[in-house]
Amino acid sequence: MKKLVVAITGSSGVIYGIKLLNYLSQLNLETHLIISEWGSNTIKIETNTDPNIVKSLATFHYDNKNMAAPISSGSYKTDGMVIIPCSMKTLSSIAHGQDDNLISRSASVCIKEHRILVIVPRETPLSTIHLENMLKLSKMNVIVLPSMPGFYSKPSSIDDLVSHLVGKVLDQFDIPHNLFQRWGYKNRE
């Protein structure tokens, strides 16, 4: 059974993280959730949902200040981590090895232990600083998966767009899903 760390930061797009947690919960996968302070605020602003309801979707949840949480150590085995959405502040903290909270520390653990780390940055437009930080992480084998919708599956709702991105995240961990129609012979002319 896979064990994933999921982090939600204060960037717009918390709906992606909530959808991912819902799906992983349905699969009964073990999830370790961290929500930043601004992640909690953004959940309330963008979804009118109580962050405690989001926490209830995870197997375990931790305060972002809890540097003694099991996931802050490389000796605690997980299959990786996804930060969805990932703010530019968090992305910068990880790129520069600050380990200043549990989210950035857990990401550092994934990097040093050569585990899968997926970040879903949500910012536009991107500055040179943002792009340089993403490049720096990409060179460390971090998967940079921007929240850019695909339209080849002919989405008809916001949920279709969100599902497509969440499916792309699940693909990185080889977790089967049917959240979007894959490109294939059916789509060729």
Protein backbone atom coordinates (compact mmCIF):
# COMPACT_ATOMS: atom_id res chain seq x y z
CA MET A 1 0.00 0.00 0.00
CA LYS A 2 1.34 3.40 -0.94
CA LYS A 3 2.02 6.07 1.68
CA LEU A 4 1.92 9.64 0.39
CA VAL A 5 2.59 12.99 2.00
CA VAL A 6 0.20 15.65 0.72
CA ALA A 7 0.71 19.35 1.40
CA ILE A 8 -1.65 22.22 0.64
CA THR A 9 -0.15 25.71 0.67
CA GLY A 10 -1.71 29.16 0.37
CA SER A 11 -1.60 29.44 -3.38
CA SER A 12 -4.86 29.61 -5.29
CA GLY A 13 -6.12 26.21 -6.43
CA VAL A 14 -6.67 24.36 -3.15
CA ILE A 15 -9.47 22.51 -4.93
CA TYR A 16 -6.74 20.38 -6.56
CA GLY A 17 -5.43 19.23 -3.19
CA ILE A 18 -8.91 18.51 -1.86
CA LYS A 19 -9.81 16.47 -4.97
CA LEU A 20 -6.55 14.50 -4.64
CA LEU A 21 -7.23 13.73 -0.98
CA ASN A 22 -10.78 12.65 -1.81
CA TYR A 23 -9.51 10.25 -4.46
CA LEU A 24 -6.72 8.82 -2.29
CA SER A 25 -9.21 8.37 0.55
CA GLN A 26 -11.52 6.36 -1.74
CA LEU A 27 -8.57 4.10 -2.56
CA ASN A 28 -7.82 3.68 1.17
CA LEU A 29 -4.23 4.83 0.64
CA GLU A 30 -2.32 6.12 3.64
CA THR A 31 -1.99 9.89 3.48
CA HIS A 32 -0.04 12.30 5.66
CA LEU A 33 -1.46 15.81 5.30
CA ILE A 34 0.12 19.16 6.07
CA ILE A 35 -1.81 22.37 5.46
CA SER A 36 0.04 25.67 5.80
CA GLU A 37 -1.58 28.55 7.65
CA TRP A 38 -2.36 30.29 4.37
CA GLY A 39 -3.47 26.97 2.91
CA SER A 40 -6.18 26.88 5.60
CA ASN A 41 -7.15 30.46 4.85
CA THR A 42 -7.32 29.77 1.11
CA ILE A 43 -9.50 26.69 1.69
CA LYS A 44 -12.00 28.94 3.50
CA ILE A 45 -11.80 31.67 0.86
CA GLU A 46 -11.98 29.51 -2.27
CA THR A 47 -14.24 26.68 -1.14
CA ASN A 48 -16.21 27.80 1.93
CA THR A 49 -15.07 24.50 3.46
CA ASP A 50 -13.79 24.10 7.00
CA PRO A 51 -10.13 22.98 6.87
CA ASN A 52 -11.00 20.34 9.51
CA ILE A 53 -13.20 18.62 6.92
CA VAL A 54 -10.21 18.54 4.56
CA LYS A 55 -8.03 17.13 7.37
CA SER A 56 -10.60 14.37 7.94
CA LEU A 57 -9.91 13.08 4.42
CA ALA A 58 -6.32 12.18 5.40
CA THR A 59 -5.12 9.22 7.43
CA PHE A 60 -2.86 11.52 9.46
CA HIS A 61 -2.49 15.29 9.58
CA TYR A 62 0.21 17.46 11.10
CA ASP A 63 0.68 21.08 12.04
CA ASN A 64 3.12 22.76 9.67
CA LYS A 65 5.19 23.85 12.71
CA ASN A 66 5.59 20.27 13.99
CA MET A 67 9.18 19.55 13.02
CA ALA A 68 9.07 16.34 15.11
CA ALA A 69 6.40 14.71 12.94
CA PRO A 70 7.43 11.28 11.59
CA ILE A 71 7.49 12.57 8.00
CA SER A 72 10.28 15.04 8.90
CA SER A 73 12.73 12.13 9.02
CA GLY A 74 14.18 10.10 6.19
CA SER A 75 13.92 7.01 8.37
CA TYR A 76 10.13 7.21 8.08
CA LYS A 77 9.40 5.53 4.75
CA THR A 78 6.89 7.01 2.33
CA ASP A 79 6.43 6.69 -1.42
CA GLY A 80 6.81 10.41 -1.89
CA MET A 81 5.10 13.75 -1.57
CA VAL A 82 2.92 16.11 -3.55
CA ILE A 83 2.52 19.81 -2.77
CA ILE A 84 -0.77 20.78 -4.38
CA PRO A 85 -1.00 23.72 -4.85
CA CYS A 86 2.55 24.90 -4.22
CA SER A 87 3.04 28.59 -3.49
CA MET A 88 6.12 30.35 -4.82
CA LYS A 89 7.20 30.94 -1.20
CA THR A 90 7.16 27.20 -0.50
CA LEU A 91 8.82 26.44 -3.83
CA SER A 92 11.62 28.91 -3.02
CA SER A 93 12.06 27.49 0.49
CA ILE A 94 12.49 23.99 -0.94
CA ALA A 95 14.80 25.13 -3.76
CA HIS A 96 17.07 26.83 -1.23
CA GLY A 97 16.98 24.07 1.41
CA GLN A 98 15.53 26.24 4.15
CA ASP A 99 13.61 23.43 5.91
CA ASP A 100 11.82 26.19 7.84
CA ASN A 101 8.56 24.29 8.37
CA LEU A 102 7.23 20.75 8.05
CA ILE A 103 6.22 21.16 4.40
CA SER A 104 9.66 22.26 3.22
CA ARG A 105 11.40 19.77 5.56
CA SER A 106 9.28 16.86 4.26
CA ALA A 107 10.08 17.94 0.70
CA SER A 108 13.79 18.02 1.58
CA VAL A 109 13.47 14.49 2.94
CA CYS A 110 12.04 13.35 -0.40
CA ILE A 111 14.90 15.00 -2.27
CA LYS A 112 17.65 13.58 -0.06
CA GLU A 113 16.09 10.10 0.03
CA HIS A 114 15.47 10.11 -3.76
CA ARG A 115 11.71 9.75 -3.34
CA ILE A 116 9.15 11.17 -5.72
CA LEU A 117 8.40 14.82 -5.05
CA VAL A 118 5.71 16.50 -7.15
CA ILE A 119 5.09 20.21 -6.87
CA VAL A 120 2.05 21.82 -8.47
CA PRO A 121 2.95 25.50 -8.72
CA ARG A 122 0.06 27.91 -9.16
CA GLU A 123 1.14 31.39 -10.14
CA THR A 124 0.85 33.57 -13.21
CA PRO A 125 2.68 35.24 -14.75
CA LEU A 126 5.94 33.59 -13.71
CA SER A 127 8.94 35.76 -12.88
CA THR A 128 12.52 34.87 -13.71
CA ILE A 129 13.00 34.04 -10.01
CA HIS A 130 10.08 31.56 -10.12
CA LEU A 131 11.41 29.93 -13.28
CA GLU A 132 14.95 29.68 -11.89
CA ASN A 133 13.67 28.05 -8.70
CA MET A 134 11.61 25.56 -10.73
CA LEU A 135 14.64 24.78 -12.90
CA LYS A 136 16.78 24.29 -9.80
CA LEU A 137 14.25 21.78 -8.41
CA SER A 138 13.83 20.05 -11.77
CA LYS A 139 17.59 19.46 -11.84
CA MET A 140 17.14 17.66 -8.48
CA ASN A 141 14.57 15.33 -10.10
CA VAL A 142 11.62 17.12 -8.53
CA ILE A 143 8.58 16.82 -10.80
CA VAL A 144 7.26 20.30 -11.60
CA LEU A 145 3.65 19.77 -12.67
CA PRO A 146 2.05 23.20 -13.22
CA SER A 147 -1.70 23.49 -12.87
CA MET A 148 -2.27 23.90 -16.59
CA PRO A 149 -5.46 22.36 -17.93
CA GLY A 150 -5.51 20.05 -20.93
CA PHE A 151 -8.40 20.36 -23.34
CA TYR A 152 -7.98 17.27 -25.53
CA SER A 153 -10.41 15.38 -23.28
CA LYS A 154 -13.06 18.02 -24.02
CA PRO A 155 -13.78 19.10 -20.44
CA SER A 156 -17.30 20.28 -19.78
CA SER A 157 -16.91 21.47 -16.18
CA ILE A 158 -14.42 22.81 -13.68
CA ASP A 159 -14.44 19.37 -12.07
CA ASP A 160 -13.29 17.86 -15.38
CA LEU A 161 -10.35 20.28 -15.44
CA VAL A 162 -9.48 19.57 -11.81
CA SER A 163 -9.77 15.81 -12.38
CA HIS A 164 -7.39 15.99 -15.32
CA LEU A 165 -4.68 17.65 -13.22
CA VAL A 166 -5.21 15.29 -10.29
CA GLY A 167 -4.96 12.35 -12.69
CA LYS A 168 -1.63 13.70 -13.95
CA VAL A 169 -0.39 13.80 -10.33
CA LEU A 170 -1.57 10.23 -9.70
CA ASP A 171 0.30 9.11 -12.84
CA GLN A 172 3.57 10.25 -11.25
CA PHE A 173 3.04 7.71 -8.45
CA ASP A 174 1.71 4.94 -10.75
CA ILE A 175 -1.68 5.07 -9.03
CA PRO A 176 -4.37 3.79 -11.41
CA HIS A 177 -7.33 6.06 -12.13
CA ASN A 178 -9.94 6.93 -14.70
CA LEU A 179 -10.13 10.65 -13.98
CA PHE A 180 -9.64 11.68 -17.63
CA GLN A 181 -9.67 10.17 -21.08
CA ARG A 182 -6.12 9.41 -22.17
CA TRP A 183 -4.74 10.45 -25.51
CA GLY A 184 -4.62 7.50 -27.89
CA TYR A 185 -5.63 6.08 -31.21
CA LYS A 186 -9.21 7.15 -30.61
CA ASN A 187 -8.03 10.79 -30.73
CA ARG A 188 -5.97 10.49 -33.91
CA GLU A 189 -7.24 11.41 -37.32
